[in-house]
Amino acid sequence: MQPNIVFLDEYSLGGADLTAIRALGNYTGYETTAREETVERCCEADVVITNKVVFRRETLQQLPRLRLICVAATGMNHIDLDTAADQGIAVKNAVGYSTHAVTETTIGAAIGLLRQVVYYDHYVKTAYAGSPLQYHFGRTTHQLYGSKWGIVGLGNIGRNVAKVAEALGCEVAYTSVSGIVREEPYPALPLDELLAGSDVVSIHAPLTDRTRGLIGARELALMKPSAILINVARGSIVDEAALAAALDAGKLAGAGLDVFAHEPLEPGNPLLTVREPDRLLLSPHNAWSPVEAVEVLVECIARNIKEFYKID
């Protein structure tokens, strides 16, 4: 008997071909699903696919038929894993599909900020034509080569960023957010020491009780005024108001963010009113989403379902 498969937020895969998933059971897909619609849409489901639709205790307890949740992403902080385990519901995420994509976003943000790409793009489009001077030095730029790169969270993505940064001539160090000591090719430093000594700090950690609010005003004050911060992990790891204040006060040279505490951003978020917006690169949580990565993501979801139901 084929399982009933429900995908609650198909839009999150950007129109990807879902044929490989549809072929595995009785499939129903929804573009988006509001919280109050979740139970009704999942009540007959054996398998639920969700990117960001939340499954807390009260929701899971109303779904006795559910056997498998496939997270169409890597992070699982929107699923109550303890309740799922208590009810015998397996939860499978997609590991490794976006490692290269997020690495490229991280490296690109660092280069973009160090080279003042936003400022110089705007200058050429608005003021360069007709200028009496061939060169313009309105913003100081820096090269990545020779800089110290600090990584917060050396998982799959953090380790890949470390490898690429090192290949570009950076001196790499990291801090562990899990508390697990492992043998790594890079020095492990306490967070405060890492922040104080790095020219670039990038965050690649999951959102947990240990990492929520990890980078606040005190931590930002430890960083060099010439340093940049990149967060491609989870928005709630960084205090956004403190970050905006640090940028406005000149205590930080720049920041690149692909994730936010509330997505989409709420009106009035202080990041939207930073006095020098060209020091801030923002993207709508899409570091993971090149078409090649999404194709691998669909394959991961299909494989998770096949392995659970032992489908050849």
C-alpha atoms as a PDB file:
ATOM      1  CA  MET A   1       0.000   0.000   0.000  1.00  0.00           C
ATOM      2  CA  GLN A   2       1.418   3.355  -1.027  1.00  0.00           C
ATOM      3  CA  PRO A   3       1.893   6.002   1.685  1.00  0.00           C
ATOM      4  CA  ASN A   4      -0.055   9.237   1.665  1.00  0.00           C
ATOM      5  CA  ILE A   5       2.508  12.004   1.165  1.00  0.00           C
ATOM      6  CA  VAL A   6       1.706  15.660   1.903  1.00  0.00           C
ATOM      7  CA  PHE A   7       4.074  18.524   1.062  1.00  0.00           C
ATOM      8  CA  LEU A   8       2.974  21.589   3.025  1.00  0.00           C
ATOM      9  CA  ASP A   9       5.089  24.355   1.460  1.00  0.00           C
ATOM     10  CA  GLU A  10       6.021  23.489  -2.115  1.00  0.00           C
ATOM     11  CA  TYR A  11       6.777  27.136  -2.881  1.00  0.00           C
ATOM     12  CA  SER A  12       9.907  26.845  -0.726  1.00  0.00           C
ATOM     13  CA  LEU A  13      11.589  24.737  -3.415  1.00  0.00           C
ATOM     14  CA  GLY A  14      11.126  27.421  -6.058  1.00  0.00           C
ATOM     15  CA  GLY A  15       9.173  25.424  -8.621  1.00  0.00           C
ATOM     16  CA  ALA A  16      11.496  22.412  -8.579  1.00  0.00           C
ATOM     17  CA  ASP A  17      10.529  19.223 -10.416  1.00  0.00           C
ATOM     18  CA  LEU A  18       9.010  16.971  -7.734  1.00  0.00           C
ATOM     19  CA  THR A  19       8.398  13.951  -9.967  1.00  0.00           C
ATOM     20  CA  ALA A  20      10.764  11.756  -7.961  1.00  0.00           C
ATOM     21  CA  ILE A  21       8.745  12.426  -4.792  1.00  0.00           C
ATOM     22  CA  ARG A  22       5.309  12.258  -6.389  1.00  0.00           C
ATOM     23  CA  ALA A  23       6.074   8.771  -7.706  1.00  0.00           C
ATOM     24  CA  LEU A  24       6.501   7.350  -4.196  1.00  0.00           C
ATOM     25  CA  GLY A  25       2.911   7.493  -2.995  1.00  0.00           C
ATOM     26  CA  ASN A  26      -0.458   9.228  -3.009  1.00  0.00           C
ATOM     27  CA  TYR A  27       0.834  12.783  -3.240  1.00  0.00           C
ATOM     28  CA  THR A  28      -0.833  16.057  -2.237  1.00  0.00           C
ATOM     29  CA  GLY A  29       1.023  19.344  -2.434  1.00  0.00           C
ATOM     30  CA  TYR A  30       0.230  22.829  -1.127  1.00  0.00           C
ATOM     31  CA  GLU A  31       2.031  26.013  -2.082  1.00  0.00           C
ATOM     32  CA  THR A  32       1.866  27.313   1.491  1.00  0.00           C
ATOM     33  CA  THR A  33       0.234  26.192   4.724  1.00  0.00           C
ATOM     34  CA  ALA A  34      -0.834  28.390   7.620  1.00  0.00           C
ATOM     35  CA  ARG A  35      -0.376  27.049  11.144  1.00  0.00           C
ATOM     36  CA  GLU A  36      -4.113  26.603  11.648  1.00  0.00           C
ATOM     37  CA  GLU A  37      -4.332  24.513   8.453  1.00  0.00           C
ATOM     38  CA  THR A  38      -1.603  22.041   9.363  1.00  0.00           C
ATOM     39  CA  VAL A  39      -3.592  19.425  11.298  1.00  0.00           C
ATOM     40  CA  GLU A  40      -6.444  19.249   8.779  1.00  0.00           C
ATOM     41  CA  ARG A  41      -4.056  18.872   5.842  1.00  0.00           C
ATOM     42  CA  CYS A  42      -1.941  16.218   7.584  1.00  0.00           C
ATOM     43  CA  CYS A  43      -4.607  14.130   9.335  1.00  0.00           C
ATOM     44  CA  GLU A  44      -4.509  11.390   6.657  1.00  0.00           C
ATOM     45  CA  ALA A  45      -0.795  11.688   5.927  1.00  0.00           C
ATOM     46  CA  ASP A  46       1.731   8.947   6.533  1.00  0.00           C
ATOM     47  CA  VAL A  47       4.546  11.207   5.334  1.00  0.00           C
ATOM     48  CA  VAL A  48       4.714  14.983   5.683  1.00  0.00           C
ATOM     49  CA  ILE A  49       7.271  17.124   3.879  1.00  0.00           C
ATOM     50  CA  THR A  50       7.914  20.542   5.381  1.00  0.00           C
ATOM     51  CA  ASN A  51      10.509  23.190   4.846  1.00  0.00           C
ATOM     52  CA  LYS A  52       9.458  25.672   7.512  1.00  0.00           C
ATOM     53  CA  VAL A  53       5.921  24.732   8.601  1.00  0.00           C
ATOM     54  CA  VAL A  54       6.176  24.298  12.384  1.00  0.00           C
ATOM     55  CA  PHE A  55       5.376  21.040  14.173  1.00  0.00           C
ATOM     56  CA  ARG A  56       5.080  21.518  17.929  1.00  0.00           C
ATOM     57  CA  ARG A  57       3.769  19.099  20.526  1.00  0.00           C
ATOM     58  CA  GLU A  58       0.111  20.092  20.244  1.00  0.00           C
ATOM     59  CA  THR A  59       0.188  19.593  16.465  1.00  0.00           C
ATOM     60  CA  LEU A  60       1.987  16.258  16.513  1.00  0.00           C
ATOM     61  CA  GLN A  61      -0.354  14.866  19.173  1.00  0.00           C
ATOM     62  CA  GLN A  62      -3.276  15.354  16.782  1.00  0.00           C
ATOM     63  CA  LEU A  63      -1.633  13.276  14.028  1.00  0.00           C
ATOM     64  CA  PRO A  64      -1.668   9.626  15.200  1.00  0.00           C
ATOM     65  CA  ARG A  65      -1.309   8.298  11.638  1.00  0.00           C
ATOM     66  CA  LEU A  66       1.878  10.249  10.862  1.00  0.00           C
ATOM     67  CA  ARG A  67       5.018   8.105  10.616  1.00  0.00           C
ATOM     68  CA  LEU A  68       7.629  10.238   8.845  1.00  0.00           C
ATOM     69  CA  ILE A  69       8.449  13.937   8.662  1.00  0.00           C
ATOM     70  CA  CYS A  70      10.835  14.855   5.865  1.00  0.00           C
ATOM     71  CA  VAL A  71      12.385  18.253   6.444  1.00  0.00           C
ATOM     72  CA  ALA A  72      13.115  19.914   3.109  1.00  0.00           C
ATOM     73  CA  ALA A  73      16.157  21.584   4.640  1.00  0.00           C
ATOM     74  CA  THR A  74      18.983  20.829   7.049  1.00  0.00           C
ATOM     75  CA  GLY A  75      17.845  22.700  10.178  1.00  0.00           C
ATOM     76  CA  MET A  76      15.147  21.000  12.275  1.00  0.00           C
ATOM     77  CA  ASN A  77      14.560  23.570  15.023  1.00  0.00           C
ATOM     78  CA  HIS A  78      10.920  23.983  13.900  1.00  0.00           C
ATOM     79  CA  ILE A  79      10.138  20.339  14.764  1.00  0.00           C
ATOM     80  CA  ASP A  80       9.521  19.123  18.328  1.00  0.00           C
ATOM     81  CA  LEU A  81      11.895  16.193  18.047  1.00  0.00           C
ATOM     82  CA  ASP A  82      11.184  14.879  21.553  1.00  0.00           C
ATOM     83  CA  THR A  83       7.448  14.621  20.951  1.00  0.00           C
ATOM     84  CA  ALA A  84       8.030  13.080  17.532  1.00  0.00           C
ATOM     85  CA  ALA A  85      10.235  10.413  19.112  1.00  0.00           C
ATOM     86  CA  ASP A  86       7.646   9.744  21.822  1.00  0.00           C
ATOM     87  CA  GLN A  87       5.004   9.152  19.160  1.00  0.00           C
ATOM     88  CA  GLY A  88       7.207   6.969  16.987  1.00  0.00           C
ATOM     89  CA  ILE A  89       7.462   9.553  14.221  1.00  0.00           C
ATOM     90  CA  ALA A  90      10.781   9.495  12.352  1.00  0.00           C
ATOM     91  CA  VAL A  91      12.237  12.878  11.361  1.00  0.00           C
ATOM     92  CA  LYS A  92      14.678  13.001   8.467  1.00  0.00           C
ATOM     93  CA  ASN A  93      16.408  16.117   7.193  1.00  0.00           C
ATOM     94  CA  ALA A  94      18.446  16.727   4.043  1.00  0.00           C
ATOM     95  CA  VAL A  95      22.134  16.704   4.905  1.00  0.00           C
ATOM     96  CA  GLY A  96      24.816  18.172   2.694  1.00  0.00           C
ATOM     97  CA  TYR A  97      22.695  19.288  -0.253  1.00  0.00           C
ATOM     98  CA  SER A  98      23.564  22.979   0.170  1.00  0.00           C
ATOM     99  CA  THR A  99      27.139  22.791   1.441  1.00  0.00           C
ATOM    100  CA  HIS A 100      28.700  24.231  -1.702  1.00  0.00           C
ATOM    101  CA  ALA A 101      25.914  26.769  -2.246  1.00  0.00           C
ATOM    102  CA  VAL A 102      26.127  28.233   1.259  1.00  0.00           C
ATOM    103  CA  THR A 103      29.917  28.181   1.110  1.00  0.00           C
ATOM    104  CA  GLU A 104      29.824  30.240  -2.077  1.00  0.00           C
ATOM    105  CA  THR A 105      27.379  32.700  -0.510  1.00  0.00           C
ATOM    106  CA  THR A 106      29.650  33.073   2.518  1.00  0.00           C
ATOM    107  CA  ILE A 107      32.820  33.645   0.499  1.00  0.00           C
ATOM    108  CA  GLY A 108      30.965  35.947  -1.887  1.00  0.00           C
ATOM    109  CA  ALA A 109      29.635  38.057   0.989  1.00  0.00           C
ATOM    110  CA  ALA A 110      33.111  38.415   2.452  1.00  0.00           C
ATOM    111  CA  ILE A 111      34.599  39.543  -0.854  1.00  0.00           C
ATOM    112  CA  GLY A 112      31.629  41.804  -1.574  1.00  0.00           C
ATOM    113  CA  LEU A 113      31.968  43.569   1.769  1.00  0.00           C
ATOM    114  CA  LEU A 114      35.758  43.838   1.708  1.00  0.00           C
ATOM    115  CA  ARG A 115      35.683  45.225  -1.829  1.00  0.00           C
ATOM    116  CA  GLN A 116      32.730  47.561  -1.135  1.00  0.00           C
ATOM    117  CA  VAL A 117      30.865  46.078  -4.097  1.00  0.00           C
ATOM    118  CA  VAL A 118      27.509  47.710  -3.326  1.00  0.00           C
ATOM    119  CA  TYR A 119      29.028  51.181  -2.984  1.00  0.00           C
ATOM    120  CA  TYR A 120      31.119  50.995  -6.159  1.00  0.00           C
ATOM    121  CA  ASP A 121      28.313  49.477  -8.205  1.00  0.00           C
ATOM    122  CA  HIS A 122      26.088  52.401  -7.191  1.00  0.00           C
ATOM    123  CA  TYR A 123      28.859  54.919  -7.908  1.00  0.00           C
ATOM    124  CA  VAL A 124      29.456  53.673 -11.440  1.00  0.00           C
ATOM    125  CA  LYS A 125      25.745  53.616 -12.238  1.00  0.00           C
ATOM    126  CA  THR A 126      25.108  57.120 -10.896  1.00  0.00           C
ATOM    127  CA  ALA A 127      28.296  59.213 -10.980  1.00  0.00           C
ATOM    128  CA  TYR A 128      31.142  57.647 -12.969  1.00  0.00           C
ATOM    129  CA  ALA A 129      29.925  58.677 -16.420  1.00  0.00           C
ATOM    130  CA  GLY A 130      31.416  62.083 -17.183  1.00  0.00           C
ATOM    131  CA  SER A 131      33.783  62.061 -14.205  1.00  0.00           C
ATOM    132  CA  PRO A 132      37.101  63.849 -14.877  1.00  0.00           C
ATOM    133  CA  LEU A 133      38.956  61.023 -13.067  1.00  0.00           C
ATOM    134  CA  GLN A 134      39.473  57.454 -14.215  1.00  0.00           C
ATOM    135  CA  TYR A 135      39.702  56.123 -10.646  1.00  0.00           C
ATOM    136  CA  HIS A 136      37.500  56.675  -7.633  1.00  0.00           C
ATOM    137  CA  PHE A 137      38.460  55.860  -4.050  1.00  0.00           C
ATOM    138  CA  GLY A 138      35.320  56.718  -2.143  1.00  0.00           C
ATOM    139  CA  ARG A 139      35.595  53.641   0.057  1.00  0.00           C
ATOM    140  CA  THR A 140      38.708  51.820   1.249  1.00  0.00           C
ATOM    141  CA  THR A 141      38.837  48.229   0.041  1.00  0.00           C
ATOM    142  CA  HIS A 142      40.678  45.217   1.427  1.00  0.00           C
ATOM    143  CA  GLN A 143      41.809  41.886   0.036  1.00  0.00           C
ATOM    144  CA  LEU A 144      40.798  38.584   1.570  1.00  0.00           C
ATOM    145  CA  TYR A 145      44.255  37.074   1.184  1.00  0.00           C
ATOM    146  CA  GLY A 146      46.218  37.244   4.418  1.00  0.00           C
ATOM    147  CA  SER A 147      43.208  37.866   6.661  1.00  0.00           C
ATOM    148  CA  LYS A 148      42.225  35.880   9.732  1.00  0.00           C
ATOM    149  CA  TRP A 149      38.934  34.012   9.281  1.00  0.00           C
ATOM    150  CA  GLY A 150      37.058  32.791  12.343  1.00  0.00           C
ATOM    151  CA  ILE A 151      34.361  30.145  11.981  1.00  0.00           C
ATOM    152  CA  VAL A 152      31.585  29.630  14.504  1.00  0.00           C
ATOM    153  CA  GLY A 153      30.456  26.018  14.134  1.00  0.00           C
ATOM    154  CA  LEU A 154      32.678  23.642  12.187  1.00  0.00           C
ATOM    155  CA  GLY A 155      30.075  21.286  10.738  1.00  0.00           C
ATOM    156  CA  ASN A 156      29.777  20.317   7.080  1.00  0.00           C
ATOM    157  CA  ILE A 157      29.330  23.880   5.851  1.00  0.00           C
ATOM    158  CA  GLY A 158      31.757  25.476   8.303  1.00  0.00           C
ATOM    159  CA  ARG A 159      34.438  22.955   7.385  1.00  0.00           C
ATOM    160  CA  ASN A 160      33.936  23.609   3.671  1.00  0.00           C
ATOM    161  CA  VAL A 161      34.120  27.366   4.200  1.00  0.00           C
ATOM    162  CA  ALA A 162      37.348  26.818   6.145  1.00  0.00           C
ATOM    163  CA  LYS A 163      38.811  24.829   3.259  1.00  0.00           C
ATOM    164  CA  VAL A 164      37.942  27.473   0.652  1.00  0.00           C
ATOM    165  CA  ALA A 165      39.035  30.378   2.867  1.00  0.00           C
ATOM    166  CA  GLU A 166      42.363  28.662   3.490  1.00  0.00           C
ATOM    167  CA  ALA A 167      42.786  28.098  -0.259  1.00  0.00           C
ATOM    168  CA  LEU A 168      42.273  31.850  -0.748  1.00  0.00           C
ATOM    169  CA  GLY A 169      45.104  32.600   1.647  1.00  0.00           C
ATOM    170  CA  CYS A 170      43.255  33.094   4.928  1.00  0.00           C
ATOM    171  CA  GLU A 171      44.444  31.950   8.333  1.00  0.00           C
ATOM    172  CA  VAL A 172      41.526  29.912   9.712  1.00  0.00           C
ATOM    173  CA  ALA A 173      40.479  29.207  13.300  1.00  0.00           C
ATOM    174  CA  TYR A 174      37.174  28.060  14.749  1.00  0.00           C
ATOM    175  CA  THR A 175      35.116  27.802  17.887  1.00  0.00           C
ATOM    176  CA  SER A 176      32.958  24.796  18.702  1.00  0.00           C
ATOM    177  CA  VAL A 177      29.360  25.449  19.729  1.00  0.00           C
ATOM    178  CA  SER A 178      28.599  21.817  20.531  1.00  0.00           C
ATOM    179  CA  GLY A 179      31.179  21.396  23.262  1.00  0.00           C
ATOM    180  CA  ILE A 180      32.468  18.284  21.489  1.00  0.00           C
ATOM    181  CA  VAL A 181      36.249  18.154  21.155  1.00  0.00           C
ATOM    182  CA  ARG A 182      37.424  16.781  17.803  1.00  0.00           C
ATOM    183  CA  GLU A 183      40.706  16.580  15.978  1.00  0.00           C
ATOM    184  CA  GLU A 184      40.587  19.307  13.319  1.00  0.00           C
ATOM    185  CA  PRO A 185      43.230  20.854  11.046  1.00  0.00           C
ATOM    186  CA  TYR A 186      42.451  24.310  12.451  1.00  0.00           C
ATOM    187  CA  PRO A 187      43.052  25.726  15.921  1.00  0.00           C
ATOM    188  CA  ALA A 188      40.043  25.746  18.244  1.00  0.00           C
ATOM    189  CA  LEU A 189      39.641  28.984  20.195  1.00  0.00           C
ATOM    190  CA  PRO A 190      37.179  30.232  22.830  1.00  0.00           C
ATOM    191  CA  LEU A 191      34.501  32.406  21.233  1.00  0.00           C
ATOM    192  CA  ASP A 192      35.766  35.668  22.761  1.00  0.00           C
ATOM    193  CA  GLU A 193      39.299  35.055  21.502  1.00  0.00           C
ATOM    194  CA  LEU A 194      38.040  34.101  18.055  1.00  0.00           C
ATOM    195  CA  LEU A 195      35.937  37.267  17.778  1.00  0.00           C
ATOM    196  CA  ALA A 196      38.726  39.545  18.993  1.00  0.00           C
ATOM    197  CA  GLY A 197      41.345  38.188  16.604  1.00  0.00           C
ATOM    198  CA  SER A 198      39.403  37.655  13.363  1.00  0.00           C
ATOM    199  CA  ASP A 199      39.042  39.918  10.345  1.00  0.00           C
ATOM    200  CA  VAL A 200      36.103  37.843   9.071  1.00  0.00           C
ATOM    201  CA  VAL A 201      33.727  35.876  11.299  1.00  0.00           C
ATOM    202  CA  SER A 202      31.190  33.539   9.702  1.00  0.00           C
ATOM    203  CA  ILE A 203      28.474  31.616  11.542  1.00  0.00           C
ATOM    204  CA  HIS A 204      27.526  28.070  10.521  1.00  0.00           C
ATOM    205  CA  ALA A 205      25.928  26.701  13.693  1.00  0.00           C
ATOM    206  CA  PRO A 206      22.458  25.254  14.300  1.00  0.00           C
ATOM    207  CA  LEU A 207      20.001  27.172  16.469  1.00  0.00           C
ATOM    208  CA  THR A 208      20.019  25.575  19.914  1.00  0.00           C
ATOM    209  CA  ASP A 209      19.769  26.719  23.502  1.00  0.00           C
ATOM    210  CA  ARG A 210      23.557  27.148  23.403  1.00  0.00           C
ATOM    211  CA  THR A 211      23.587  29.336  20.293  1.00  0.00           C
ATOM    212  CA  ARG A 212      20.436  31.453  20.677  1.00  0.00           C
ATOM    213  CA  GLY A 213      21.632  35.023  21.245  1.00  0.00           C
ATOM    214  CA  LEU A 214      25.247  33.872  21.044  1.00  0.00           C
ATOM    215  CA  ILE A 215      26.411  37.093  19.357  1.00  0.00           C
ATOM    216  CA  GLY A 216      25.111  40.137  21.202  1.00  0.00           C
ATOM    217  CA  ALA A 217      26.359  43.620  22.055  1.00  0.00           C
ATOM    218  CA  ARG A 218      29.132  42.334  24.317  1.00  0.00           C
ATOM    219  CA  GLU A 219      30.452  39.933  21.697  1.00  0.00           C
ATOM    220  CA  LEU A 220      30.245  42.477  18.869  1.00  0.00           C
ATOM    221  CA  ALA A 221      32.237  44.934  20.991  1.00  0.00           C
ATOM    222  CA  LEU A 222      35.077  42.411  21.091  1.00  0.00           C
ATOM    223  CA  MET A 223      35.466  42.449  17.316  1.00  0.00           C
ATOM    224  CA  LYS A 224      37.845  44.723  15.435  1.00  0.00           C
ATOM    225  CA  PRO A 225      36.248  47.868  13.965  1.00  0.00           C
ATOM    226  CA  SER A 226      37.669  46.693  10.626  1.00  0.00           C
ATOM    227  CA  ALA A 227      36.086  43.227  10.873  1.00  0.00           C
ATOM    228  CA  ILE A 228      33.009  41.841   9.128  1.00  0.00           C
ATOM    229  CA  LEU A 229      30.401  39.377  10.368  1.00  0.00           C
ATOM    230  CA  ILE A 230      28.543  36.884   8.149  1.00  0.00           C
ATOM    231  CA  ASN A 231      25.549  34.867   9.334  1.00  0.00           C
ATOM    232  CA  VAL A 232      24.222  32.138   7.025  1.00  0.00           C
ATOM    233  CA  ALA A 233      23.024  29.865   9.856  1.00  0.00           C
ATOM    234  CA  ARG A 234      20.000  31.047  11.881  1.00  0.00           C
ATOM    235  CA  GLY A 235      18.953  34.626  12.527  1.00  0.00           C
ATOM    236  CA  SER A 236      18.354  34.280  16.251  1.00  0.00           C
ATOM    237  CA  ILE A 237      22.030  33.521  16.837  1.00  0.00           C
ATOM    238  CA  VAL A 238      22.794  37.239  16.325  1.00  0.00           C
ATOM    239  CA  ASP A 239      21.151  40.141  18.146  1.00  0.00           C
ATOM    240  CA  GLU A 240      20.018  42.198  15.145  1.00  0.00           C
ATOM    241  CA  ALA A 241      19.474  45.430  17.080  1.00  0.00           C
ATOM    242  CA  ALA A 242      22.959  45.175  18.583  1.00  0.00           C
ATOM    243  CA  LEU A 243      24.423  44.502  15.143  1.00  0.00           C
ATOM    244  CA  ALA A 244      22.702  47.541  13.626  1.00  0.00           C
ATOM    245  CA  ALA A 245      23.951  49.693  16.521  1.00  0.00           C
ATOM    246  CA  ALA A 246      27.517  48.400  16.079  1.00  0.00           C
ATOM    247  CA  LEU A 247      27.454  49.230  12.366  1.00  0.00           C
ATOM    248  CA  ASP A 248      26.053  52.707  12.998  1.00  0.00           C
ATOM    249  CA  ALA A 249      28.671  53.367  15.673  1.00  0.00           C
ATOM    250  CA  GLY A 250      31.517  52.287  13.391  1.00  0.00           C
ATOM    251  CA  LYS A 251      32.417  49.421  15.700  1.00  0.00           C
ATOM    252  CA  LEU A 252      32.110  46.947  12.847  1.00  0.00           C
ATOM    253  CA  ALA A 253      33.035  47.426   9.202  1.00  0.00           C
ATOM    254  CA  GLY A 254      30.250  45.388   7.678  1.00  0.00           C
ATOM    255  CA  ALA A 255      27.919  42.427   7.879  1.00  0.00           C
ATOM    256  CA  GLY A 256      26.337  39.915   5.517  1.00  0.00           C
ATOM    257  CA  LEU A 257      23.103  38.232   6.591  1.00  0.00           C
ATOM    258  CA  ASP A 258      21.066  35.583   4.825  1.00  0.00           C
ATOM    259  CA  VAL A 259      18.962  34.728   7.895  1.00  0.00           C
ATOM    260  CA  PHE A 260      16.881  36.721  10.356  1.00  0.00           C
ATOM    261  CA  ALA A 261      15.141  36.237  13.687  1.00  0.00           C
ATOM    262  CA  HIS A 262      11.770  36.779  11.966  1.00  0.00           C
ATOM    263  CA  GLU A 263      11.372  35.822   8.318  1.00  0.00           C
ATOM    264  CA  PRO A 264      10.306  37.772   6.410  1.00  0.00           C
ATOM    265  CA  LEU A 265      11.728  40.805   8.199  1.00  0.00           C
ATOM    266  CA  GLU A 266       9.253  42.709  10.323  1.00  0.00           C
ATOM    267  CA  PRO A 267       8.668  46.396   9.491  1.00  0.00           C
ATOM    268  CA  GLY A 268      10.837  48.511  11.737  1.00  0.00           C
ATOM    269  CA  ASN A 269      13.686  46.031  11.942  1.00  0.00           C
ATOM    270  CA  PRO A 270      16.764  48.178  12.753  1.00  0.00           C
ATOM    271  CA  LEU A 271      18.764  46.506   9.992  1.00  0.00           C
ATOM    272  CA  LEU A 272      16.580  48.290   7.449  1.00  0.00           C
ATOM    273  CA  THR A 273      17.598  51.733   8.722  1.00  0.00           C
ATOM    274  CA  VAL A 274      21.370  51.332   9.119  1.00  0.00           C
ATOM    275  CA  ARG A 275      22.880  54.718   8.251  1.00  0.00           C
ATOM    276  CA  GLU A 276      25.319  53.317   5.667  1.00  0.00           C
ATOM    277  CA  PRO A 277      23.344  50.537   3.986  1.00  0.00           C
ATOM    278  CA  ASP A 278      26.176  49.669   1.612  1.00  0.00           C
ATOM    279  CA  ARG A 279      28.007  48.185   4.594  1.00  0.00           C
ATOM    280  CA  LEU A 280      25.258  45.600   4.961  1.00  0.00           C
ATOM    281  CA  LEU A 281      24.561  42.774   2.495  1.00  0.00           C
ATOM    282  CA  LEU A 282      21.154  41.152   2.998  1.00  0.00           C
ATOM    283  CA  SER A 283      19.531  38.225   1.195  1.00  0.00           C
ATOM    284  CA  PRO A 284      16.156  36.533   1.877  1.00  0.00           C
ATOM    285  CA  HIS A 285      17.372  33.206   3.330  1.00  0.00           C
ATOM    286  CA  ASN A 286      18.260  31.861  -0.101  1.00  0.00           C
ATOM    287  CA  ALA A 287      21.945  30.983   0.272  1.00  0.00           C
ATOM    288  CA  TRP A 288      20.927  27.322  -0.092  1.00  0.00           C
ATOM    289  CA  SER A 289      18.790  27.704  -3.214  1.00  0.00           C
ATOM    290  CA  PRO A 290      20.772  27.476  -6.483  1.00  0.00           C
ATOM    291  CA  VAL A 291      18.880  25.212  -8.854  1.00  0.00           C
ATOM    292  CA  GLU A 292      21.633  22.595  -8.680  1.00  0.00           C
ATOM    293  CA  ALA A 293      21.362  22.424  -4.881  1.00  0.00           C
ATOM    294  CA  VAL A 294      17.564  22.192  -4.991  1.00  0.00           C
ATOM    295  CA  GLU A 295      17.801  19.242  -7.389  1.00  0.00           C
ATOM    296  CA  VAL A 296      19.993  17.459  -4.844  1.00  0.00           C
ATOM    297  CA  LEU A 297      17.522  18.415  -2.095  1.00  0.00           C
ATOM    298  CA  VAL A 298      14.643  16.746  -3.962  1.00  0.00           C
ATOM    299  CA  GLU A 299      16.799  13.637  -4.354  1.00  0.00           C
ATOM    300  CA  CYS A 300      17.505  13.668  -0.603  1.00  0.00           C
ATOM    301  CA  ILE A 301      13.805  13.852   0.268  1.00  0.00           C
ATOM    302  CA  ALA A 302      12.943  11.052  -2.144  1.00  0.00           C
ATOM    303  CA  ARG A 303      15.770   8.918  -0.756  1.00  0.00           C
ATOM    304  CA  ASN A 304      14.608   9.468   2.837  1.00  0.00           C
ATOM    305  CA  ILE A 305      11.121   8.249   1.925  1.00  0.00           C
ATOM    306  CA  LYS A 306      12.468   5.261  -0.027  1.00  0.00           C
ATOM    307  CA  GLU A 307      14.727   4.190   2.801  1.00  0.00           C
ATOM    308  CA  PHE A 308      11.974   4.522   5.407  1.00  0.00           C
ATOM    309  CA  TYR A 309       9.521   2.429   3.373  1.00  0.00           C
ATOM    310  CA  LYS A 310      12.232   0.181   1.907  1.00  0.00           C
ATOM    311  CA  ILE A 311      11.248   1.115  -1.648  1.00  0.00           C
ATOM    312  CA  ASP A 312      13.707  -0.001  -4.321  1.00  0.00           C
END
